[in-house]
Amino acid sequence: MIAAVVNVPAYYLMALPEIQSVQDLRGKKVGITRIGASSDFAIRLVLRKAGLVPDKDVALIQVGESSSLAAALSTRAKNAKPEEFIDDQIVRDLEREGYFSGRGKK
């Protein structure tokens, strides 16, 4: 049996180009797959570390599967979404289109 533990969420924060920091999400909507899912946990952790209160400062909206999150971001229905590290190609494609990834590169 092999096991691994990490102490950081395995997500990038993908956001519309006008969002340049986590603090810019105040008053905005962030898409998650489901309440209680890993995307919900990850974004709540990121928001709290940035001094924002989830569900008060930032609305968390359930939109279903990861592909639905991407669609909600591209149609501007949501301002940001968590993106799993596994989907690095999606992150690179969105960065090329000008989206903010929170990983320090464009």
C-alpha atoms as a PDB file:
ATOM      1  CA  MET A   1       0.000   0.000   0.000  1.00  0.00           C
ATOM      2  CA  ILE A   2       1.236   3.467  -0.897  1.00  0.00           C
ATOM      3  CA  ALA A   3      -0.234   6.616   0.620  1.00  0.00           C
ATOM      4  CA  ALA A   4       0.554  10.302   0.444  1.00  0.00           C
ATOM      5  CA  VAL A   5      -0.584  13.334   2.378  1.00  0.00           C
ATOM      6  CA  VAL A   6      -0.269  16.957   1.355  1.00  0.00           C
ATOM      7  CA  ASN A   7      -0.956  20.058   3.417  1.00  0.00           C
ATOM      8  CA  VAL A   8      -2.134  22.286   0.571  1.00  0.00           C
ATOM      9  CA  PRO A   9      -5.180  22.054  -1.693  1.00  0.00           C
ATOM     10  CA  ALA A  10      -4.486  20.346  -5.015  1.00  0.00           C
ATOM     11  CA  TYR A  11      -6.102  23.188  -6.979  1.00  0.00           C
ATOM     12  CA  TYR A  12      -5.287  26.342  -8.880  1.00  0.00           C
ATOM     13  CA  LEU A  13      -7.662  29.263  -8.516  1.00  0.00           C
ATOM     14  CA  MET A  14      -8.772  30.216 -12.033  1.00  0.00           C
ATOM     15  CA  ALA A  15     -10.445  33.610 -12.383  1.00  0.00           C
ATOM     16  CA  LEU A  16     -11.546  36.133 -14.978  1.00  0.00           C
ATOM     17  CA  PRO A  17      -8.727  38.404 -16.215  1.00  0.00           C
ATOM     18  CA  GLU A  18      -9.903  41.373 -14.112  1.00  0.00           C
ATOM     19  CA  ILE A  19      -9.404  39.299 -10.929  1.00  0.00           C
ATOM     20  CA  GLN A  20      -5.719  39.650 -10.046  1.00  0.00           C
ATOM     21  CA  SER A  21      -5.745  38.509  -6.403  1.00  0.00           C
ATOM     22  CA  VAL A  22      -7.910  36.502  -4.054  1.00  0.00           C
ATOM     23  CA  GLN A  23      -9.015  39.772  -2.401  1.00  0.00           C
ATOM     24  CA  ASP A  24     -10.523  40.860  -5.748  1.00  0.00           C
ATOM     25  CA  LEU A  25     -13.145  38.127  -5.242  1.00  0.00           C
ATOM     26  CA  ARG A  26     -14.926  40.144  -2.514  1.00  0.00           C
ATOM     27  CA  GLY A  27     -18.558  40.543  -3.623  1.00  0.00           C
ATOM     28  CA  LYS A  28     -18.102  38.062  -6.491  1.00  0.00           C
ATOM     29  CA  LYS A  29     -19.326  34.519  -7.274  1.00  0.00           C
ATOM     30  CA  VAL A  30     -17.079  31.462  -7.264  1.00  0.00           C
ATOM     31  CA  GLY A  31     -18.226  28.176  -8.770  1.00  0.00           C
ATOM     32  CA  ILE A  32     -17.732  24.894  -6.913  1.00  0.00           C
ATOM     33  CA  THR A  33     -18.802  21.402  -7.909  1.00  0.00           C
ATOM     34  CA  ARG A  34     -20.821  20.593  -4.767  1.00  0.00           C
ATOM     35  CA  ILE A  35     -21.004  21.786  -1.168  1.00  0.00           C
ATOM     36  CA  GLY A  36     -18.738  19.501   0.836  1.00  0.00           C
ATOM     37  CA  ALA A  37     -16.686  18.445  -2.204  1.00  0.00           C
ATOM     38  CA  SER A  38     -12.933  18.950  -2.384  1.00  0.00           C
ATOM     39  CA  SER A  39     -13.406  22.055  -4.579  1.00  0.00           C
ATOM     40  CA  ASP A  40     -15.621  23.559  -1.847  1.00  0.00           C
ATOM     41  CA  PHE A  41     -13.083  22.745   0.866  1.00  0.00           C
ATOM     42  CA  ALA A  42     -10.183  24.113  -1.206  1.00  0.00           C
ATOM     43  CA  ILE A  43     -11.814  27.447  -2.058  1.00  0.00           C
ATOM     44  CA  ARG A  44     -12.996  27.968   1.535  1.00  0.00           C
ATOM     45  CA  LEU A  45      -9.428  27.421   2.756  1.00  0.00           C
ATOM     46  CA  VAL A  46      -7.997  29.845   0.184  1.00  0.00           C
ATOM     47  CA  LEU A  47     -10.609  32.513   0.977  1.00  0.00           C
ATOM     48  CA  ARG A  48     -10.048  32.255   4.742  1.00  0.00           C
ATOM     49  CA  LYS A  49      -6.256  32.496   4.305  1.00  0.00           C
ATOM     50  CA  ALA A  50      -6.842  35.704   2.313  1.00  0.00           C
ATOM     51  CA  GLY A  51      -8.998  37.147   5.110  1.00  0.00           C
ATOM     52  CA  LEU A  52     -12.323  36.646   3.298  1.00  0.00           C
ATOM     53  CA  VAL A  53     -15.376  34.963   4.799  1.00  0.00           C
ATOM     54  CA  PRO A  54     -16.902  32.302   2.510  1.00  0.00           C
ATOM     55  CA  ASP A  55     -20.644  32.764   1.863  1.00  0.00           C
ATOM     56  CA  LYS A  56     -20.449  36.306   3.253  1.00  0.00           C
ATOM     57  CA  ASP A  57     -17.667  38.063   1.330  1.00  0.00           C
ATOM     58  CA  VAL A  58     -17.729  35.627  -1.600  1.00  0.00           C
ATOM     59  CA  ALA A  59     -20.758  33.675  -2.864  1.00  0.00           C
ATOM     60  CA  LEU A  60     -20.053  29.977  -3.470  1.00  0.00           C
ATOM     61  CA  ILE A  61     -22.315  28.570  -6.175  1.00  0.00           C
ATOM     62  CA  GLN A  62     -22.759  24.845  -6.901  1.00  0.00           C
ATOM     63  CA  VAL A  63     -22.561  24.185 -10.632  1.00  0.00           C
ATOM     64  CA  GLY A  64     -21.842  20.463 -10.862  1.00  0.00           C
ATOM     65  CA  GLU A  65     -19.008  18.792 -12.727  1.00  0.00           C
ATOM     66  CA  SER A  66     -15.663  20.397 -13.568  1.00  0.00           C
ATOM     67  CA  SER A  67     -16.715  20.943 -17.189  1.00  0.00           C
ATOM     68  CA  SER A  68     -19.706  22.947 -15.913  1.00  0.00           C
ATOM     69  CA  LEU A  69     -17.317  25.057 -13.826  1.00  0.00           C
ATOM     70  CA  ALA A  70     -15.255  25.823 -16.931  1.00  0.00           C
ATOM     71  CA  ALA A  71     -18.380  26.779 -18.882  1.00  0.00           C
ATOM     72  CA  ALA A  72     -19.592  29.043 -16.065  1.00  0.00           C
ATOM     73  CA  LEU A  73     -16.226  30.823 -16.058  1.00  0.00           C
ATOM     74  CA  SER A  74     -16.022  31.218 -19.831  1.00  0.00           C
ATOM     75  CA  THR A  75     -19.555  32.641 -20.036  1.00  0.00           C
ATOM     76  CA  ARG A  76     -18.766  34.984 -17.109  1.00  0.00           C
ATOM     77  CA  ALA A  77     -21.584  33.451 -15.030  1.00  0.00           C
ATOM     78  CA  LYS A  78     -18.927  33.006 -12.307  1.00  0.00           C
ATOM     79  CA  ASN A  79     -15.843  35.093 -11.557  1.00  0.00           C
ATOM     80  CA  ALA A  80     -13.585  32.235 -10.468  1.00  0.00           C
ATOM     81  CA  LYS A  81     -13.340  28.496  -9.930  1.00  0.00           C
ATOM     82  CA  PRO A  82     -10.942  25.980  -8.433  1.00  0.00           C
ATOM     83  CA  GLU A  83      -9.105  23.862 -11.035  1.00  0.00           C
ATOM     84  CA  GLU A  84      -7.437  20.594 -10.048  1.00  0.00           C
ATOM     85  CA  PHE A  85      -3.666  20.319 -10.550  1.00  0.00           C
ATOM     86  CA  ILE A  86      -4.394  17.264 -12.692  1.00  0.00           C
ATOM     87  CA  ASP A  87      -5.913  19.499 -15.380  1.00  0.00           C
ATOM     88  CA  ASP A  88      -2.742  21.524 -16.003  1.00  0.00           C
ATOM     89  CA  GLN A  89      -3.459  21.813 -19.747  1.00  0.00           C
ATOM     90  CA  ILE A  90      -6.742  23.566 -18.945  1.00  0.00           C
ATOM     91  CA  VAL A  91      -4.845  25.950 -16.661  1.00  0.00           C
ATOM     92  CA  ARG A  92      -2.267  26.730 -19.383  1.00  0.00           C
ATOM     93  CA  ASP A  93      -5.008  27.271 -21.984  1.00  0.00           C
ATOM     94  CA  LEU A  94      -6.911  29.646 -19.705  1.00  0.00           C
ATOM     95  CA  GLU A  95      -3.709  31.543 -18.828  1.00  0.00           C
ATOM     96  CA  ARG A  96      -3.026  32.013 -22.554  1.00  0.00           C
ATOM     97  CA  GLU A  97      -6.499  33.541 -22.868  1.00  0.00           C
ATOM     98  CA  GLY A  98      -5.634  36.029 -20.096  1.00  0.00           C
ATOM     99  CA  TYR A  99      -7.309  34.345 -17.118  1.00  0.00           C
ATOM    100  CA  PHE A 100      -5.734  34.696 -13.659  1.00  0.00           C
ATOM    101  CA  SER A 101      -4.446  31.406 -12.234  1.00  0.00           C
ATOM    102  CA  GLY A 102      -3.050  32.420  -8.854  1.00  0.00           C
ATOM    103  CA  ARG A 103       0.126  30.458  -9.529  1.00  0.00           C
ATOM    104  CA  GLY A 104       2.299  33.475 -10.279  1.00  0.00           C
ATOM    105  CA  LYS A 105       2.570  33.012 -14.042  1.00  0.00           C
ATOM    106  CA  LYS A 106       0.593  34.252 -17.040  1.00  0.00           C
END
